[in-house]
Amino acid sequence: MKTIETERLRLIPWKEEYAQSLYNYAKDPDVGPAAGWKPHEDEAESLDIIRTLFLPNNVWAITEKTGGDIIGTVGLEPDKRRPLVNSKEIGYSMSKEYWGKGLMTEAVSAVIDFAFEVYELDVLSACVWPSNEKSQKVVKKTGFTYEGTERRSFKVYDGTVRDTKCYSILREEWIQMKGERNEQTGDHKTSAGADG
């Protein structure tokens, strides 16, 4: 898994030694519950998440280029709703301190490109809770199309069952978006699949 750089960010593969940095923001009660997971209770729980969820999947730690602290997570995992399709689902979280600066939109945009270029996906999906307006803004800004709401589709850590708002980008939509971006920037190079 390669490091991805954007204008302001560096997305780096997770390592076990980053457990303290993950815990520093994942313990915040305003971060995890918005995405359906409970605040981390200690560094050992953060380490377990790195080992069992982040390392087996394509999950990056988000850092600012101007500083080394880990400020969030963005990753790709199997799309449970499309098991027979070349599809992945994107997920993300960010330290509350960095909300509202456009950083998550920047990170998600970079991973969208990575997903379609490297995995040559047919579809990339994103699912958010109806109450999570910040996350919905990110998926809309990065080009996802709203598909619909799955009612009572996911049981979260506290036992409640929530609705899920589902979004997706089709490969042909991503190609069109990338072409429009290239026209705006004057970059007319085309991207092909690359090694991860």
Protein backbone atom coordinates (compact mmCIF):
# COMPACT_ATOMS: atom_id res chain seq x y z
CA MET A 1 0.00 0.00 0.00
CA LYS A 2 1.49 3.30 -1.04
CA THR A 3 1.57 6.72 0.58
CA ILE A 4 -0.76 9.25 -1.07
CA GLU A 5 0.02 12.96 -1.04
CA THR A 6 -2.40 15.81 -1.62
CA GLU A 7 -1.94 19.56 -1.45
CA ARG A 8 -2.09 19.65 2.36
CA LEU A 9 -2.08 16.02 3.45
CA ARG A 10 -0.05 12.85 3.50
CA LEU A 11 -2.00 9.56 3.71
CA ILE A 12 0.26 6.87 5.13
CA PRO A 13 -0.29 3.16 5.85
CA TRP A 14 -1.20 2.43 9.46
CA LYS A 15 1.38 0.89 11.78
CA GLU A 16 0.89 -0.62 15.22
CA GLU A 17 3.04 2.09 16.78
CA TYR A 18 0.40 4.67 15.83
CA ALA A 19 -2.03 3.32 18.45
CA GLN A 20 -1.55 6.26 20.82
CA SER A 21 -2.21 8.75 18.02
CA LEU A 22 -5.40 6.92 17.06
CA TYR A 23 -6.55 6.82 20.65
CA ASN A 24 -5.94 10.56 21.05
CA TYR A 25 -8.81 11.39 18.69
CA ALA A 26 -10.85 8.16 18.72
CA LYS A 27 -11.66 8.58 22.43
CA ASP A 28 -13.64 11.75 21.65
CA PRO A 29 -17.38 11.07 22.13
CA ASP A 30 -18.18 13.36 19.18
CA VAL A 31 -16.10 11.36 16.68
CA GLY A 32 -16.90 7.63 16.81
CA PRO A 33 -20.64 7.62 17.51
CA ALA A 34 -21.28 9.79 14.43
CA ALA A 35 -19.87 6.90 12.37
CA GLY A 36 -21.43 4.11 14.43
CA TRP A 37 -18.49 3.04 16.61
CA LYS A 38 -17.97 3.65 20.29
CA PRO A 39 -15.25 5.96 21.59
CA HIS A 40 -12.07 4.02 22.26
CA GLU A 41 -11.59 3.24 25.93
CA ASP A 42 -7.79 2.96 25.93
CA GLU A 43 -4.74 2.65 23.73
CA ALA A 44 -5.04 -1.16 23.73
CA GLU A 45 -8.43 -0.91 22.03
CA SER A 46 -6.96 1.41 19.40
CA LEU A 47 -4.15 -1.07 18.80
CA ASP A 48 -6.69 -3.86 18.34
CA ILE A 49 -8.58 -1.76 15.75
CA ILE A 50 -5.33 -1.17 13.86
CA ARG A 51 -4.54 -4.90 13.86
CA THR A 52 -8.00 -6.26 13.03
CA LEU A 53 -9.54 -3.56 10.81
CA PHE A 54 -6.93 -1.18 9.43
CA LEU A 55 -4.05 -3.50 8.54
CA PRO A 56 -6.13 -6.21 6.75
CA ASN A 57 -7.80 -3.53 4.58
CA ASN A 58 -6.53 -0.52 2.65
CA VAL A 59 -6.73 2.06 5.42
CA TRP A 60 -4.55 5.16 5.65
CA ALA A 61 -3.66 7.37 8.58
CA ILE A 62 -4.16 11.03 7.66
CA THR A 63 -1.42 13.51 8.57
CA GLU A 64 -0.89 17.13 7.66
CA LYS A 65 2.25 17.84 5.66
CA THR A 66 3.07 20.63 8.12
CA GLY A 67 2.98 18.32 11.15
CA GLY A 68 3.39 14.67 11.98
CA ASP A 69 0.32 14.06 14.12
CA ILE A 70 -2.30 11.63 12.85
CA ILE A 71 -5.55 13.55 12.49
CA GLY A 72 -7.83 10.96 10.90
CA THR A 73 -8.41 7.79 8.96
CA VAL A 74 -9.66 7.01 5.46
CA GLY A 75 -9.93 3.54 3.98
CA LEU A 76 -11.39 1.07 1.55
CA GLU A 77 -13.06 -2.16 2.54
CA PRO A 78 -15.20 -4.79 0.78
CA ASP A 79 -18.61 -3.51 -0.30
CA LYS A 80 -21.05 -5.70 1.64
CA ARG A 81 -23.95 -4.59 -0.54
CA ARG A 82 -22.29 -5.67 -3.81
CA PRO A 83 -20.49 -8.96 -3.12
CA LEU A 84 -20.37 -10.05 -6.78
CA VAL A 85 -19.32 -6.66 -8.22
CA ASN A 86 -15.85 -5.09 -8.45
CA SER A 87 -16.76 -2.59 -5.75
CA LYS A 88 -15.39 -1.21 -2.50
CA GLU A 89 -16.83 0.96 0.26
CA ILE A 90 -15.03 4.03 1.57
CA GLY A 91 -15.05 4.99 5.23
CA TYR A 92 -13.41 7.80 7.17
CA SER A 93 -13.14 9.66 10.45
CA MET A 94 -11.29 12.77 11.61
CA SER A 95 -10.25 14.45 14.83
CA LYS A 96 -12.85 17.04 15.83
CA GLU A 97 -10.11 19.66 16.01
CA TYR A 98 -9.77 19.48 12.21
CA TRP A 99 -13.44 19.53 11.20
CA GLY A 100 -14.65 22.24 8.84
CA LYS A 101 -11.35 22.83 7.03
CA GLY A 102 -12.02 20.75 3.91
CA LEU A 103 -9.32 18.24 4.88
CA MET A 104 -11.56 15.19 4.80
CA THR A 105 -12.92 16.17 1.39
CA GLU A 106 -9.31 16.41 0.18
CA ALA A 107 -8.40 13.00 1.62
CA VAL A 108 -11.52 11.27 0.28
CA SER A 109 -10.98 12.76 -3.21
CA ALA A 110 -7.47 11.30 -3.31
CA VAL A 111 -8.64 7.86 -2.20
CA ILE A 112 -11.44 7.89 -4.78
CA ASP A 113 -8.83 8.34 -7.51
CA PHE A 114 -6.65 5.64 -5.98
CA ALA A 115 -9.59 3.21 -5.79
CA PHE A 116 -10.58 3.58 -9.43
CA GLU A 117 -7.04 3.75 -10.81
CA VAL A 118 -5.47 0.90 -8.84
CA TYR A 119 -8.42 -1.47 -8.40
CA GLU A 120 -10.17 -0.48 -11.62
CA LEU A 121 -13.45 -0.53 -9.72
CA ASP A 122 -16.85 -0.56 -11.35
CA VAL A 123 -18.41 1.12 -8.30
CA LEU A 124 -17.26 2.88 -5.13
CA SER A 125 -19.84 3.24 -2.37
CA ALA A 126 -20.19 5.30 0.79
CA CYS A 127 -22.78 4.84 3.53
CA VAL A 128 -23.56 7.37 6.25
CA TRP A 129 -26.11 7.86 9.01
CA PRO A 130 -28.95 10.29 8.21
CA SER A 131 -27.99 12.37 11.25
CA ASN A 132 -24.35 12.75 10.17
CA GLU A 133 -24.64 15.91 8.08
CA LYS A 134 -20.88 16.56 7.97
CA SER A 135 -20.23 13.17 6.40
CA GLN A 136 -23.03 13.71 3.90
CA LYS A 137 -21.39 16.99 2.84
CA VAL A 138 -18.12 15.15 2.19
CA VAL A 139 -19.71 12.51 -0.07
CA LYS A 140 -21.68 15.14 -1.99
CA LYS A 141 -18.63 17.37 -2.50
CA THR A 142 -16.56 14.43 -3.76
CA GLY A 143 -19.06 13.38 -6.44
CA PHE A 144 -21.08 10.57 -4.91
CA THR A 145 -24.70 10.15 -6.01
CA TYR A 146 -27.42 9.42 -3.46
CA GLU A 147 -28.96 5.98 -4.08
CA GLY A 148 -31.50 5.77 -1.28
CA THR A 149 -31.91 4.94 2.37
CA GLU A 150 -31.75 1.41 3.71
CA ARG A 151 -34.12 1.34 6.63
CA ARG A 152 -32.91 -0.23 9.88
CA SER A 153 -29.92 -1.72 8.11
CA PHE A 154 -27.10 -1.52 10.66
CA LYS A 155 -26.78 -2.30 14.36
CA VAL A 156 -24.27 -0.04 16.09
CA TYR A 157 -22.17 -0.50 19.21
CA ASP A 158 -24.91 0.56 21.65
CA GLY A 159 -27.44 -1.92 20.25
CA THR A 160 -29.57 0.56 18.34
CA VAL A 161 -30.44 -0.16 14.72
CA ARG A 162 -30.03 2.74 12.35
CA ASP A 163 -31.04 3.67 8.84
CA THR A 164 -28.20 4.08 6.34
CA LYS A 165 -28.03 6.64 3.54
CA CYS A 166 -26.26 5.02 0.57
CA TYR A 167 -24.20 6.81 -2.06
CA SER A 168 -22.04 5.62 -4.96
CA ILE A 169 -19.80 6.66 -7.82
CA LEU A 170 -19.81 4.57 -11.01
CA ARG A 171 -16.58 4.16 -12.94
CA GLU A 172 -17.89 6.16 -15.90
CA GLU A 173 -18.92 8.98 -13.55
CA TRP A 174 -15.43 9.06 -12.05
CA ILE A 175 -13.86 9.17 -15.54
CA GLN A 176 -16.05 12.14 -16.40
CA MET A 177 -15.24 13.92 -13.12
CA LYS A 178 -11.52 13.35 -13.63
CA GLY A 179 -11.73 14.68 -17.18
CA GLU A 180 -13.53 17.81 -15.97
CA ARG A 181 -10.88 18.36 -13.27
CA ASN A 182 -8.09 17.96 -15.82
CA GLU A 183 -9.72 20.55 -18.09
CA GLN A 184 -9.94 23.00 -15.21
CA THR A 185 -6.29 22.52 -14.27
CA GLY A 186 -4.97 22.19 -17.82
CA ASP A 187 -3.68 18.68 -17.09
CA HIS A 188 -4.68 16.44 -20.00
CA LYS A 189 -2.74 13.32 -18.95
CA THR A 190 -4.73 10.15 -18.55
CA SER A 191 -4.31 7.77 -15.64
CA ALA A 192 -4.01 4.02 -15.93
CA GLY A 193 -4.05 1.29 -13.33
CA ALA A 194 -0.95 1.29 -11.15
CA ASP A 195 0.64 -0.91 -8.57
CA GLY A 196 -0.65 -0.36 -5.03
